[in-house]
N, C-alpha and C. Protein backbone atom coordinates (compact mmCIF):
# COMPACT_ATOMS: atom_id res chain seq x y z
N UNK A 1 -13.24 8.34 43.78
CA UNK A 1 -12.45 9.40 43.15
C UNK A 1 -12.07 8.98 41.72
N UNK A 2 -12.35 9.82 40.76
CA UNK A 2 -12.08 9.50 39.37
C UNK A 2 -10.60 9.66 39.08
N UNK A 3 -10.06 8.71 38.31
CA UNK A 3 -8.64 8.78 37.94
C UNK A 3 -8.48 9.77 36.80
N UNK A 4 -7.36 10.47 36.81
CA UNK A 4 -7.09 11.45 35.75
C UNK A 4 -6.65 10.73 34.48
N UNK A 5 -7.09 11.30 33.36
CA UNK A 5 -6.68 10.75 32.07
C UNK A 5 -5.20 11.02 31.84
N UNK A 6 -4.48 10.00 31.42
CA UNK A 6 -3.07 10.17 31.13
C UNK A 6 -2.88 10.85 29.78
N UNK A 7 -1.95 11.77 29.76
CA UNK A 7 -1.65 12.46 28.51
C UNK A 7 -0.46 11.79 27.83
N UNK A 8 -0.28 12.12 26.54
CA UNK A 8 0.84 11.60 25.79
C UNK A 8 0.44 10.44 24.91
N UNK A 9 1.43 9.69 24.45
CA UNK A 9 1.19 8.61 23.53
C UNK A 9 0.48 7.45 24.22
N UNK A 10 -0.41 6.75 23.49
CA UNK A 10 -1.04 5.57 24.07
C UNK A 10 0.01 4.47 24.25
N UNK A 11 -0.18 3.57 25.24
CA UNK A 11 0.81 2.51 25.46
C UNK A 11 0.81 1.50 24.32
N UNK A 12 1.97 0.87 24.09
CA UNK A 12 2.10 -0.15 23.05
C UNK A 12 2.69 -1.40 23.69
N UNK A 13 2.24 -2.58 23.22
CA UNK A 13 2.76 -3.83 23.76
C UNK A 13 3.93 -4.34 22.93
N UNK A 14 4.58 -3.44 22.20
CA UNK A 14 5.71 -3.79 21.36
C UNK A 14 6.90 -2.95 21.77
N UNK A 15 8.09 -3.35 21.33
CA UNK A 15 9.28 -2.59 21.71
C UNK A 15 9.40 -1.26 20.97
N UNK A 16 8.70 -1.13 19.84
CA UNK A 16 8.68 0.12 19.10
C UNK A 16 7.24 0.53 18.83
N UNK A 17 7.02 1.82 18.64
CA UNK A 17 5.69 2.31 18.29
C UNK A 17 5.42 2.02 16.81
N UNK A 18 4.16 2.06 16.36
CA UNK A 18 3.87 1.85 14.94
C UNK A 18 4.64 2.80 14.03
N UNK A 19 4.76 4.06 14.43
CA UNK A 19 5.50 5.03 13.61
C UNK A 19 6.97 4.66 13.52
N UNK A 20 7.52 4.20 14.64
CA UNK A 20 8.93 3.80 14.63
C UNK A 20 9.15 2.56 13.78
N UNK A 21 8.21 1.63 13.80
CA UNK A 21 8.34 0.45 12.95
C UNK A 21 8.33 0.83 11.47
N UNK A 22 7.49 1.81 11.10
CA UNK A 22 7.47 2.24 9.70
C UNK A 22 8.83 2.80 9.29
N UNK A 23 9.46 3.57 10.17
CA UNK A 23 10.79 4.10 9.88
C UNK A 23 11.79 2.96 9.76
N UNK A 24 11.72 1.99 10.66
CA UNK A 24 12.64 0.84 10.61
C UNK A 24 12.55 0.12 9.28
N UNK A 25 11.34 -0.15 8.81
CA UNK A 25 11.19 -0.88 7.55
C UNK A 25 11.77 -0.10 6.38
N UNK A 26 11.59 1.22 6.38
CA UNK A 26 12.16 2.04 5.31
C UNK A 26 13.69 2.06 5.39
N UNK A 27 14.24 2.12 6.60
CA UNK A 27 15.70 2.09 6.76
C UNK A 27 16.23 0.75 6.27
N UNK A 28 15.56 -0.34 6.64
CA UNK A 28 16.02 -1.66 6.20
C UNK A 28 15.90 -1.81 4.69
N UNK A 29 15.00 -1.05 4.07
CA UNK A 29 14.85 -1.10 2.62
C UNK A 29 15.88 -0.22 1.91
N UNK A 30 16.68 0.54 2.67
CA UNK A 30 17.76 1.33 2.10
C UNK A 30 17.42 2.76 1.75
N UNK A 31 16.29 3.28 2.22
CA UNK A 31 15.90 4.65 1.90
C UNK A 31 16.66 5.64 2.77
N UNK A 32 16.94 6.81 2.20
CA UNK A 32 17.58 7.89 2.94
C UNK A 32 16.54 8.61 3.80
N UNK A 33 17.01 9.43 4.73
CA UNK A 33 16.09 10.18 5.58
C UNK A 33 15.14 11.09 4.79
N UNK A 34 15.62 11.85 3.79
CA UNK A 34 14.69 12.68 3.02
C UNK A 34 13.62 11.86 2.31
N UNK A 35 14.03 10.69 1.78
CA UNK A 35 13.07 9.83 1.08
C UNK A 35 12.05 9.26 2.08
N UNK A 36 12.51 8.87 3.25
CA UNK A 36 11.59 8.36 4.29
C UNK A 36 10.60 9.46 4.68
N UNK A 37 11.11 10.67 4.82
CA UNK A 37 10.24 11.79 5.21
C UNK A 37 9.15 12.00 4.17
N UNK A 38 9.50 11.91 2.88
CA UNK A 38 8.51 12.08 1.82
C UNK A 38 7.48 10.95 1.85
N UNK A 39 7.94 9.73 2.07
CA UNK A 39 7.02 8.59 2.11
C UNK A 39 6.04 8.69 3.27
N UNK A 40 6.50 9.21 4.40
CA UNK A 40 5.65 9.29 5.59
C UNK A 40 4.90 10.62 5.70
N UNK A 41 5.28 11.60 4.89
CA UNK A 41 4.64 12.90 4.96
C UNK A 41 5.02 13.68 6.20
N UNK A 42 6.28 13.53 6.63
CA UNK A 42 6.77 14.25 7.81
C UNK A 42 8.05 14.98 7.43
N UNK A 43 8.62 15.70 8.37
CA UNK A 43 9.85 16.43 8.11
C UNK A 43 11.05 15.51 8.31
N UNK A 44 12.19 15.83 7.67
CA UNK A 44 13.41 15.05 7.91
C UNK A 44 13.82 15.06 9.38
N UNK A 45 13.56 16.16 10.08
CA UNK A 45 13.88 16.23 11.51
C UNK A 45 13.06 15.22 12.30
N UNK A 46 11.81 14.99 11.88
CA UNK A 46 10.98 14.01 12.56
C UNK A 46 11.55 12.61 12.37
N UNK A 47 12.07 12.34 11.16
CA UNK A 47 12.69 11.04 10.90
C UNK A 47 13.94 10.87 11.76
N UNK A 48 14.76 11.91 11.85
CA UNK A 48 15.95 11.87 12.70
C UNK A 48 15.58 11.61 14.16
N UNK A 49 14.51 12.24 14.61
CA UNK A 49 14.04 12.06 15.99
C UNK A 49 13.64 10.60 16.22
N UNK A 50 12.87 10.04 15.28
CA UNK A 50 12.46 8.65 15.40
C UNK A 50 13.68 7.72 15.41
N UNK A 51 14.63 7.98 14.52
CA UNK A 51 15.82 7.13 14.44
C UNK A 51 16.62 7.15 15.73
N UNK A 52 16.76 8.33 16.30
CA UNK A 52 17.50 8.44 17.56
C UNK A 52 16.81 7.63 18.66
N UNK A 53 15.48 7.73 18.73
CA UNK A 53 14.73 6.96 19.72
C UNK A 53 14.86 5.46 19.49
N UNK A 54 14.78 5.06 18.21
CA UNK A 54 14.86 3.64 17.86
C UNK A 54 16.21 3.06 18.27
N UNK A 55 17.29 3.74 17.90
CA UNK A 55 18.63 3.24 18.22
C UNK A 55 18.84 3.15 19.72
N UNK A 56 18.28 4.13 20.44
CA UNK A 56 18.42 4.11 21.90
C UNK A 56 17.63 2.96 22.51
N UNK A 57 16.40 2.77 22.05
CA UNK A 57 15.57 1.69 22.59
C UNK A 57 16.18 0.31 22.34
N UNK A 58 16.74 0.14 21.15
CA UNK A 58 17.26 -1.17 20.76
C UNK A 58 18.73 -1.35 21.14
N UNK A 59 19.35 -0.31 21.66
CA UNK A 59 20.77 -0.34 22.03
C UNK A 59 21.63 -0.73 20.83
N UNK A 60 21.33 -0.11 19.69
CA UNK A 60 22.10 -0.35 18.47
C UNK A 60 23.02 0.84 18.22
N UNK A 61 24.23 0.60 17.69
CA UNK A 61 25.19 1.69 17.55
C UNK A 61 24.93 2.66 16.42
N UNK A 62 24.32 2.18 15.32
CA UNK A 62 24.18 3.05 14.15
C UNK A 62 23.13 2.52 13.18
N UNK A 63 22.96 3.26 12.10
CA UNK A 63 21.98 2.92 11.08
C UNK A 63 22.28 1.58 10.40
N UNK A 64 23.56 1.30 10.18
CA UNK A 64 23.93 0.04 9.53
C UNK A 64 23.49 -1.15 10.38
N UNK A 65 23.67 -1.05 11.68
CA UNK A 65 23.24 -2.13 12.56
C UNK A 65 21.72 -2.30 12.51
N UNK A 66 20.99 -1.18 12.39
CA UNK A 66 19.54 -1.24 12.30
C UNK A 66 19.10 -1.94 11.02
N UNK A 67 19.82 -1.74 9.92
CA UNK A 67 19.46 -2.38 8.65
C UNK A 67 19.53 -3.90 8.75
N UNK A 68 20.39 -4.40 9.63
CA UNK A 68 20.55 -5.84 9.77
C UNK A 68 19.80 -6.40 10.99
N UNK A 69 19.03 -5.57 11.67
CA UNK A 69 18.24 -6.01 12.81
C UNK A 69 17.00 -6.74 12.27
N UNK A 70 16.80 -7.98 12.66
CA UNK A 70 15.81 -8.82 11.99
C UNK A 70 14.52 -9.06 12.78
N UNK A 71 14.25 -8.27 13.79
CA UNK A 71 13.03 -8.46 14.57
C UNK A 71 11.79 -8.15 13.74
N UNK A 72 10.65 -8.65 14.19
CA UNK A 72 9.38 -8.48 13.48
C UNK A 72 8.38 -7.79 14.40
N UNK A 73 7.65 -6.86 13.84
CA UNK A 73 6.63 -6.14 14.60
C UNK A 73 5.53 -7.09 15.05
N UNK A 74 4.97 -6.83 16.24
CA UNK A 74 3.84 -7.62 16.73
C UNK A 74 2.62 -7.47 15.82
N UNK A 75 2.56 -6.38 15.05
CA UNK A 75 1.42 -6.15 14.16
C UNK A 75 1.52 -6.97 12.88
N UNK A 76 2.68 -7.58 12.63
CA UNK A 76 2.88 -8.33 11.39
C UNK A 76 2.35 -9.75 11.52
N UNK A 77 1.92 -10.31 10.38
CA UNK A 77 1.49 -11.70 10.34
C UNK A 77 2.64 -12.64 10.69
N UNK A 78 3.89 -12.24 10.40
CA UNK A 78 5.04 -13.10 10.65
C UNK A 78 5.46 -13.12 12.12
N UNK A 79 4.81 -12.32 12.95
CA UNK A 79 5.12 -12.38 14.38
C UNK A 79 4.64 -13.70 14.97
N UNK A 80 3.69 -14.34 14.32
CA UNK A 80 3.19 -15.65 14.74
C UNK A 80 4.20 -16.71 14.32
N UNK A 81 4.85 -17.35 15.27
CA UNK A 81 5.87 -18.35 14.97
C UNK A 81 5.30 -19.52 14.17
N UNK A 82 3.99 -19.74 14.24
CA UNK A 82 3.39 -20.84 13.50
C UNK A 82 3.43 -20.60 11.99
N UNK A 83 3.66 -19.33 11.59
CA UNK A 83 3.73 -19.02 10.16
C UNK A 83 5.14 -19.26 9.60
N UNK A 84 6.09 -19.63 10.47
CA UNK A 84 7.48 -19.81 10.07
C UNK A 84 7.78 -21.28 9.85
N UNK A 85 8.62 -21.60 8.87
CA UNK A 85 9.03 -22.97 8.63
C UNK A 85 10.31 -23.26 9.38
N UNK A 86 10.77 -24.49 9.35
CA UNK A 86 11.98 -24.87 10.07
C UNK A 86 13.16 -24.93 9.11
N UNK A 87 14.36 -25.09 9.68
CA UNK A 87 15.58 -25.16 8.89
C UNK A 87 15.89 -26.58 8.45
N UNK A 88 15.01 -27.54 8.72
CA UNK A 88 15.31 -28.94 8.45
C UNK A 88 15.35 -29.25 6.96
N UNK A 89 14.59 -28.52 6.16
CA UNK A 89 14.56 -28.80 4.72
C UNK A 89 15.51 -27.88 3.98
N UNK A 90 16.09 -28.41 2.89
CA UNK A 90 17.02 -27.64 2.07
C UNK A 90 16.28 -26.57 1.29
N UNK A 91 16.79 -25.35 1.32
CA UNK A 91 16.16 -24.25 0.60
C UNK A 91 16.34 -24.41 -0.90
N UNK A 92 15.26 -24.35 -1.63
CA UNK A 92 15.28 -24.30 -3.09
C UNK A 92 14.57 -23.02 -3.49
N UNK A 93 15.31 -22.11 -4.16
CA UNK A 93 14.72 -20.85 -4.54
C UNK A 93 13.56 -21.07 -5.50
N UNK A 94 12.50 -20.35 -5.28
CA UNK A 94 11.32 -20.47 -6.12
C UNK A 94 11.52 -19.76 -7.45
N UNK A 95 10.49 -19.68 -8.25
CA UNK A 95 10.60 -18.98 -9.53
C UNK A 95 10.85 -17.49 -9.31
N UNK A 96 11.35 -16.84 -10.35
CA UNK A 96 11.52 -15.38 -10.27
C UNK A 96 10.14 -14.75 -10.16
N UNK A 97 9.93 -14.01 -9.10
CA UNK A 97 8.62 -13.41 -8.87
C UNK A 97 8.54 -11.96 -9.29
N UNK A 98 9.72 -11.30 -9.41
CA UNK A 98 9.69 -9.87 -9.73
C UNK A 98 11.01 -9.45 -10.35
N UNK A 99 10.93 -8.50 -11.28
CA UNK A 99 12.10 -7.85 -11.86
C UNK A 99 11.90 -6.35 -11.70
N UNK A 100 12.93 -5.67 -11.20
CA UNK A 100 12.83 -4.24 -10.95
C UNK A 100 13.57 -3.44 -12.01
N UNK A 101 13.05 -2.28 -12.31
CA UNK A 101 13.71 -1.37 -13.25
C UNK A 101 13.44 0.06 -12.80
N UNK A 102 14.48 0.89 -12.81
CA UNK A 102 14.30 2.30 -12.46
C UNK A 102 13.98 3.09 -13.72
N UNK A 103 13.15 4.12 -13.55
CA UNK A 103 12.74 4.98 -14.66
C UNK A 103 12.92 6.44 -14.24
N UNK A 104 12.97 7.33 -15.23
CA UNK A 104 13.13 8.75 -14.91
C UNK A 104 11.82 9.41 -14.52
N UNK A 105 10.71 8.99 -15.14
CA UNK A 105 9.41 9.60 -14.87
C UNK A 105 8.38 8.48 -14.73
N UNK A 106 7.87 8.30 -13.53
CA UNK A 106 6.99 7.15 -13.28
C UNK A 106 5.66 7.28 -14.01
N UNK A 107 5.13 8.51 -14.13
CA UNK A 107 3.85 8.68 -14.82
C UNK A 107 3.97 8.32 -16.31
N UNK A 108 5.06 8.79 -16.93
CA UNK A 108 5.26 8.49 -18.35
C UNK A 108 5.52 7.00 -18.55
N UNK A 109 6.31 6.41 -17.66
CA UNK A 109 6.60 4.98 -17.78
C UNK A 109 5.35 4.15 -17.56
N UNK A 110 4.54 4.53 -16.58
CA UNK A 110 3.30 3.79 -16.32
C UNK A 110 2.39 3.82 -17.55
N UNK A 111 2.29 4.99 -18.19
CA UNK A 111 1.46 5.11 -19.38
C UNK A 111 1.99 4.24 -20.52
N UNK A 112 3.33 4.20 -20.68
CA UNK A 112 3.92 3.39 -21.74
C UNK A 112 3.64 1.90 -21.54
N UNK A 113 3.92 1.41 -20.35
CA UNK A 113 3.75 -0.03 -20.10
C UNK A 113 2.28 -0.43 -20.11
N UNK A 114 1.42 0.51 -19.73
CA UNK A 114 -0.02 0.20 -19.69
C UNK A 114 -0.67 0.37 -21.07
N UNK A 115 -0.38 1.48 -21.74
CA UNK A 115 -1.10 1.81 -22.98
C UNK A 115 -0.41 1.32 -24.25
N UNK A 116 0.92 1.26 -24.24
CA UNK A 116 1.65 0.83 -25.43
C UNK A 116 1.91 -0.68 -25.39
N UNK A 117 2.48 -1.16 -24.26
CA UNK A 117 2.77 -2.58 -24.14
C UNK A 117 1.56 -3.40 -23.72
N UNK A 118 0.54 -2.71 -23.20
CA UNK A 118 -0.71 -3.37 -22.78
C UNK A 118 -0.48 -4.43 -21.69
N UNK A 119 0.48 -4.17 -20.81
CA UNK A 119 0.69 -5.08 -19.69
C UNK A 119 -0.38 -4.83 -18.63
N UNK A 120 -0.91 -5.89 -18.02
CA UNK A 120 -1.91 -5.70 -16.96
C UNK A 120 -1.33 -4.92 -15.79
N UNK A 121 -1.96 -3.80 -15.45
CA UNK A 121 -1.50 -2.96 -14.34
C UNK A 121 -2.03 -3.54 -13.03
N UNK A 122 -1.12 -3.83 -12.11
CA UNK A 122 -1.52 -4.42 -10.83
C UNK A 122 -1.89 -3.35 -9.81
N UNK A 123 -0.95 -2.46 -9.50
CA UNK A 123 -1.23 -1.36 -8.57
C UNK A 123 -0.09 -0.36 -8.62
N UNK A 124 -0.37 0.84 -8.14
CA UNK A 124 0.61 1.92 -8.04
C UNK A 124 0.46 2.59 -6.69
N UNK A 125 1.58 2.86 -6.04
CA UNK A 125 1.52 3.72 -4.86
C UNK A 125 2.79 4.57 -4.83
N UNK A 126 2.57 5.88 -4.67
CA UNK A 126 3.70 6.80 -4.70
C UNK A 126 4.38 6.76 -6.06
N UNK A 127 5.71 6.65 -6.05
CA UNK A 127 6.47 6.61 -7.31
C UNK A 127 6.86 5.17 -7.67
N UNK A 128 5.99 4.22 -7.30
CA UNK A 128 6.21 2.81 -7.62
C UNK A 128 5.01 2.29 -8.40
N UNK A 129 5.27 1.53 -9.47
CA UNK A 129 4.19 0.96 -10.28
C UNK A 129 4.51 -0.51 -10.56
N UNK A 130 3.47 -1.35 -10.55
CA UNK A 130 3.65 -2.79 -10.70
C UNK A 130 2.76 -3.31 -11.83
N UNK A 131 3.35 -4.18 -12.68
CA UNK A 131 2.64 -4.78 -13.80
C UNK A 131 2.86 -6.29 -13.80
N UNK A 132 1.93 -7.01 -14.42
CA UNK A 132 2.05 -8.46 -14.53
C UNK A 132 2.60 -8.84 -15.89
N UNK A 133 3.65 -9.66 -15.89
CA UNK A 133 4.24 -10.16 -17.14
C UNK A 133 4.12 -11.68 -17.15
N UNK A 134 2.93 -12.17 -17.35
CA UNK A 134 2.72 -13.60 -17.40
C UNK A 134 3.05 -14.32 -16.12
N UNK A 135 2.78 -13.69 -14.99
CA UNK A 135 3.05 -14.31 -13.70
C UNK A 135 4.28 -13.75 -13.02
N UNK A 136 5.16 -13.08 -13.75
CA UNK A 136 6.31 -12.39 -13.17
C UNK A 136 5.97 -10.92 -13.04
N UNK A 137 6.22 -10.35 -11.88
CA UNK A 137 5.83 -8.97 -11.64
C UNK A 137 6.95 -8.02 -12.07
N UNK A 138 6.58 -7.00 -12.83
CA UNK A 138 7.52 -5.95 -13.21
C UNK A 138 7.33 -4.78 -12.25
N UNK A 139 8.42 -4.36 -11.61
CA UNK A 139 8.39 -3.31 -10.60
C UNK A 139 9.15 -2.10 -11.14
N UNK A 140 8.44 -1.00 -11.37
CA UNK A 140 9.05 0.24 -11.85
C UNK A 140 9.14 1.23 -10.70
N UNK A 141 10.31 1.82 -10.51
CA UNK A 141 10.48 2.84 -9.47
C UNK A 141 11.18 4.05 -10.07
N UNK A 142 10.74 5.21 -9.66
CA UNK A 142 11.31 6.45 -10.19
C UNK A 142 12.62 6.76 -9.49
N UNK A 143 13.66 7.00 -10.28
CA UNK A 143 14.97 7.33 -9.73
C UNK A 143 14.91 8.69 -9.06
N UNK A 144 15.47 8.76 -7.84
CA UNK A 144 15.47 10.04 -7.12
C UNK A 144 16.87 10.46 -6.72
N UNK A 145 17.87 10.00 -7.46
CA UNK A 145 19.22 10.46 -7.19
C UNK A 145 20.13 9.34 -6.74
N UNK A 146 21.40 9.56 -6.82
CA UNK A 146 22.40 8.56 -6.48
C UNK A 146 22.30 8.18 -5.01
N UNK A 147 22.42 6.88 -4.75
CA UNK A 147 22.40 6.41 -3.38
C UNK A 147 21.06 5.88 -2.94
N UNK A 148 20.01 6.12 -3.72
CA UNK A 148 18.68 5.65 -3.33
C UNK A 148 18.22 4.49 -4.20
N UNK A 149 19.04 4.09 -5.19
CA UNK A 149 18.66 2.98 -6.05
C UNK A 149 19.71 1.89 -5.95
N UNK A 150 19.28 0.65 -5.97
CA UNK A 150 20.19 -0.48 -5.84
C UNK A 150 20.76 -0.84 -7.21
N UNK A 151 22.05 -1.15 -7.23
CA UNK A 151 22.63 -1.69 -8.45
C UNK A 151 22.89 -0.67 -9.55
N UNK A 152 22.86 0.64 -9.23
CA UNK A 152 23.15 1.68 -10.22
C UNK A 152 22.33 1.50 -11.49
N UNK A 153 21.04 1.20 -11.34
CA UNK A 153 20.16 1.09 -12.49
C UNK A 153 20.02 -0.31 -13.04
N UNK A 154 20.78 -1.28 -12.52
CA UNK A 154 20.65 -2.65 -13.00
C UNK A 154 19.30 -3.22 -12.61
N UNK A 155 18.81 -4.14 -13.44
CA UNK A 155 17.60 -4.86 -13.07
C UNK A 155 17.92 -5.81 -11.93
N UNK A 156 16.99 -5.94 -10.99
CA UNK A 156 17.16 -6.82 -9.84
C UNK A 156 16.24 -8.01 -10.01
N UNK A 157 16.78 -9.22 -9.82
CA UNK A 157 15.98 -10.43 -9.86
C UNK A 157 15.51 -10.75 -8.45
N UNK A 158 14.21 -10.95 -8.29
CA UNK A 158 13.62 -11.28 -7.00
C UNK A 158 13.14 -12.73 -7.05
N UNK A 159 13.67 -13.59 -6.18
CA UNK A 159 13.27 -14.99 -6.14
C UNK A 159 12.22 -15.20 -5.06
N UNK A 160 11.14 -15.90 -5.42
CA UNK A 160 10.10 -16.20 -4.44
C UNK A 160 10.57 -17.31 -3.50
N UNK A 161 10.28 -17.13 -2.22
CA UNK A 161 10.57 -18.16 -1.21
C UNK A 161 9.36 -18.29 -0.30
N UNK A 162 9.14 -19.47 0.29
CA UNK A 162 7.97 -19.64 1.15
C UNK A 162 8.11 -18.96 2.50
N UNK A 163 9.33 -18.88 3.04
CA UNK A 163 9.58 -18.27 4.34
C UNK A 163 10.83 -17.43 4.24
N UNK A 164 10.70 -16.12 4.30
CA UNK A 164 11.82 -15.24 4.01
C UNK A 164 12.90 -15.27 5.09
N UNK A 165 12.51 -15.47 6.35
CA UNK A 165 13.51 -15.52 7.41
C UNK A 165 14.33 -16.81 7.34
N UNK A 166 13.68 -17.93 7.07
CA UNK A 166 14.41 -19.19 6.92
C UNK A 166 15.32 -19.14 5.70
N UNK A 167 14.83 -18.59 4.60
CA UNK A 167 15.65 -18.45 3.39
C UNK A 167 16.86 -17.57 3.67
N UNK A 168 16.66 -16.49 4.40
CA UNK A 168 17.77 -15.59 4.77
C UNK A 168 18.85 -16.36 5.52
N UNK A 169 18.45 -17.14 6.52
CA UNK A 169 19.42 -17.86 7.34
C UNK A 169 20.17 -18.91 6.52
N UNK A 170 19.45 -19.64 5.66
CA UNK A 170 20.12 -20.68 4.88
C UNK A 170 21.08 -20.09 3.85
N UNK A 171 20.66 -19.04 3.17
CA UNK A 171 21.55 -18.42 2.18
C UNK A 171 22.77 -17.79 2.86
N UNK A 172 22.55 -17.21 4.02
CA UNK A 172 23.66 -16.61 4.78
C UNK A 172 24.65 -17.69 5.19
N UNK A 173 24.14 -18.87 5.59
CA UNK A 173 25.02 -19.96 5.99
C UNK A 173 25.83 -20.50 4.82
N UNK A 174 25.33 -20.28 3.59
CA UNK A 174 26.05 -20.72 2.39
C UNK A 174 27.07 -19.69 1.91
N UNK A 175 27.07 -18.52 2.53
CA UNK A 175 28.04 -17.49 2.16
C UNK A 175 27.48 -16.27 1.48
N UNK A 176 26.16 -16.20 1.30
CA UNK A 176 25.55 -15.02 0.68
C UNK A 176 25.70 -13.81 1.61
N UNK A 177 26.04 -12.66 1.04
CA UNK A 177 26.23 -11.44 1.82
C UNK A 177 25.00 -10.54 1.66
N UNK A 178 24.23 -10.44 2.74
CA UNK A 178 23.02 -9.63 2.72
C UNK A 178 23.33 -8.18 3.07
N UNK A 179 22.57 -7.27 2.48
CA UNK A 179 22.75 -5.84 2.75
C UNK A 179 21.74 -5.32 3.77
N UNK A 180 20.78 -6.17 4.16
CA UNK A 180 19.76 -5.75 5.12
C UNK A 180 19.12 -6.99 5.72
N UNK A 181 18.20 -6.78 6.64
CA UNK A 181 17.43 -7.87 7.22
C UNK A 181 16.11 -8.00 6.46
N UNK A 182 15.44 -9.15 6.54
CA UNK A 182 14.11 -9.25 5.94
C UNK A 182 13.20 -8.15 6.47
N UNK A 183 12.44 -7.53 5.59
CA UNK A 183 11.60 -6.42 6.02
C UNK A 183 10.33 -6.34 5.19
N UNK A 184 9.27 -5.85 5.80
CA UNK A 184 8.00 -5.70 5.10
C UNK A 184 8.00 -4.36 4.37
N UNK A 185 7.65 -4.40 3.09
CA UNK A 185 7.66 -3.17 2.31
C UNK A 185 6.26 -2.63 2.02
N UNK A 186 5.24 -3.49 2.17
CA UNK A 186 3.89 -3.02 1.87
C UNK A 186 2.87 -3.99 2.47
N UNK A 187 1.76 -3.43 2.94
CA UNK A 187 0.62 -4.24 3.38
C UNK A 187 -0.57 -3.87 2.52
N UNK A 188 -1.12 -4.84 1.77
CA UNK A 188 -2.25 -4.59 0.89
C UNK A 188 -3.54 -4.41 1.69
N UNK A 189 -4.57 -3.94 0.99
CA UNK A 189 -5.85 -3.67 1.65
C UNK A 189 -6.45 -4.92 2.27
N UNK A 190 -6.17 -6.10 1.68
CA UNK A 190 -6.72 -7.34 2.23
C UNK A 190 -5.86 -7.93 3.35
N UNK A 191 -4.80 -7.20 3.75
CA UNK A 191 -3.94 -7.66 4.83
C UNK A 191 -2.71 -8.42 4.39
N UNK A 192 -2.59 -8.76 3.10
CA UNK A 192 -1.43 -9.47 2.60
C UNK A 192 -0.18 -8.60 2.74
N UNK A 193 0.90 -9.19 3.26
CA UNK A 193 2.15 -8.47 3.47
C UNK A 193 3.17 -8.86 2.41
N UNK A 194 3.89 -7.86 1.90
CA UNK A 194 4.99 -8.08 0.95
C UNK A 194 6.31 -7.93 1.72
N UNK A 195 7.13 -8.99 1.70
CA UNK A 195 8.41 -8.98 2.39
C UNK A 195 9.55 -9.14 1.39
N UNK A 196 10.68 -8.45 1.65
CA UNK A 196 11.84 -8.53 0.77
C UNK A 196 13.13 -8.54 1.59
N UNK A 197 14.20 -9.00 0.95
CA UNK A 197 15.52 -9.06 1.57
C UNK A 197 16.55 -9.07 0.45
N UNK A 198 17.55 -8.20 0.53
CA UNK A 198 18.49 -8.01 -0.57
C UNK A 198 19.88 -8.55 -0.23
N UNK A 199 20.54 -9.12 -1.26
CA UNK A 199 21.91 -9.61 -1.11
C UNK A 199 22.62 -9.45 -2.44
N UNK A 200 23.91 -9.75 -2.47
CA UNK A 200 24.72 -9.58 -3.68
C UNK A 200 25.25 -10.90 -4.18
N UNK A 201 25.46 -10.98 -5.51
CA UNK A 201 26.12 -12.17 -6.04
C UNK A 201 27.62 -12.02 -5.88
N UNK A 202 28.40 -12.93 -6.48
CA UNK A 202 29.85 -12.93 -6.30
C UNK A 202 30.53 -11.71 -6.88
N UNK A 203 29.86 -10.98 -7.80
CA UNK A 203 30.44 -9.78 -8.40
C UNK A 203 29.82 -8.51 -7.84
N UNK A 204 28.99 -8.64 -6.80
CA UNK A 204 28.38 -7.48 -6.19
C UNK A 204 27.10 -7.02 -6.85
N UNK A 205 26.56 -7.82 -7.79
CA UNK A 205 25.30 -7.47 -8.43
C UNK A 205 24.13 -7.77 -7.50
N UNK A 206 23.11 -6.91 -7.49
CA UNK A 206 22.02 -7.07 -6.53
C UNK A 206 21.05 -8.18 -6.89
N UNK A 207 20.65 -8.95 -5.88
CA UNK A 207 19.62 -9.97 -5.98
C UNK A 207 18.70 -9.81 -4.77
N UNK A 208 17.56 -10.49 -4.81
CA UNK A 208 16.65 -10.37 -3.67
C UNK A 208 15.80 -11.62 -3.55
N UNK A 209 15.34 -11.87 -2.33
CA UNK A 209 14.30 -12.88 -2.11
C UNK A 209 13.05 -12.14 -1.67
N UNK A 210 11.89 -12.71 -2.00
CA UNK A 210 10.63 -12.06 -1.69
C UNK A 210 9.61 -13.09 -1.26
N UNK A 211 8.66 -12.66 -0.44
CA UNK A 211 7.60 -13.56 0.01
C UNK A 211 6.34 -12.76 0.26
N UNK A 212 5.22 -13.39 -0.02
CA UNK A 212 3.91 -12.81 0.32
C UNK A 212 3.35 -13.61 1.49
N UNK A 213 2.88 -12.88 2.49
CA UNK A 213 2.28 -13.53 3.66
C UNK A 213 0.81 -13.12 3.71
N UNK A 214 -0.07 -14.10 3.53
CA UNK A 214 -1.50 -13.81 3.48
C UNK A 214 -2.15 -14.09 4.83
N UNK A 215 -3.19 -13.34 5.18
CA UNK A 215 -3.92 -13.61 6.43
C UNK A 215 -4.52 -15.02 6.40
N UNK A 216 -4.64 -15.62 7.56
CA UNK A 216 -5.22 -16.95 7.63
C UNK A 216 -6.67 -16.90 7.15
N UNK A 217 -7.07 -17.92 6.43
CA UNK A 217 -8.43 -17.96 5.88
C UNK A 217 -9.46 -18.14 6.98
């Protein structure tokens, strides 16, 4: 007797579905529901539906708790514990890897930095553009209204670290106040993952740590 095909979503060996993980990463990055909907190409109601399911699955009380939830998707390179370092060594922040700046019009800004300043253009996706400044990455993002940009337009310094979760724990133990958990913001075509985590200095100015995780050779 042939078994009937099951309908509905395919099974996942993770606590969240791939779509739910994408919503989680955007929430941890500080995006609002309308912005998440635009990034994913879905309706705001779909984002609300995903969020409700996520909070229920994880038994978390609210969105703020989700921003500080530090679990890693099974699909990420960092799910492999062998890619993580230990807390035995003292954290030394690496060189500044990125500086962020908000702009009013991303197309006009991209043209200026590319054609006038002649900075090497790295890549663009959506309303984000990246340029190389002698090894330091310039990150331009289009402002979409109050509440969606960090630091009210201030430039953000991003420090490179070898292991973003270990750096998070060590800085937190020293008294740094983080606004979110480490989260993946982009996966490149070659599989390299971009991870970020934001915190504030003593005056509330935004800072960040960042790490690139490359696939094993």
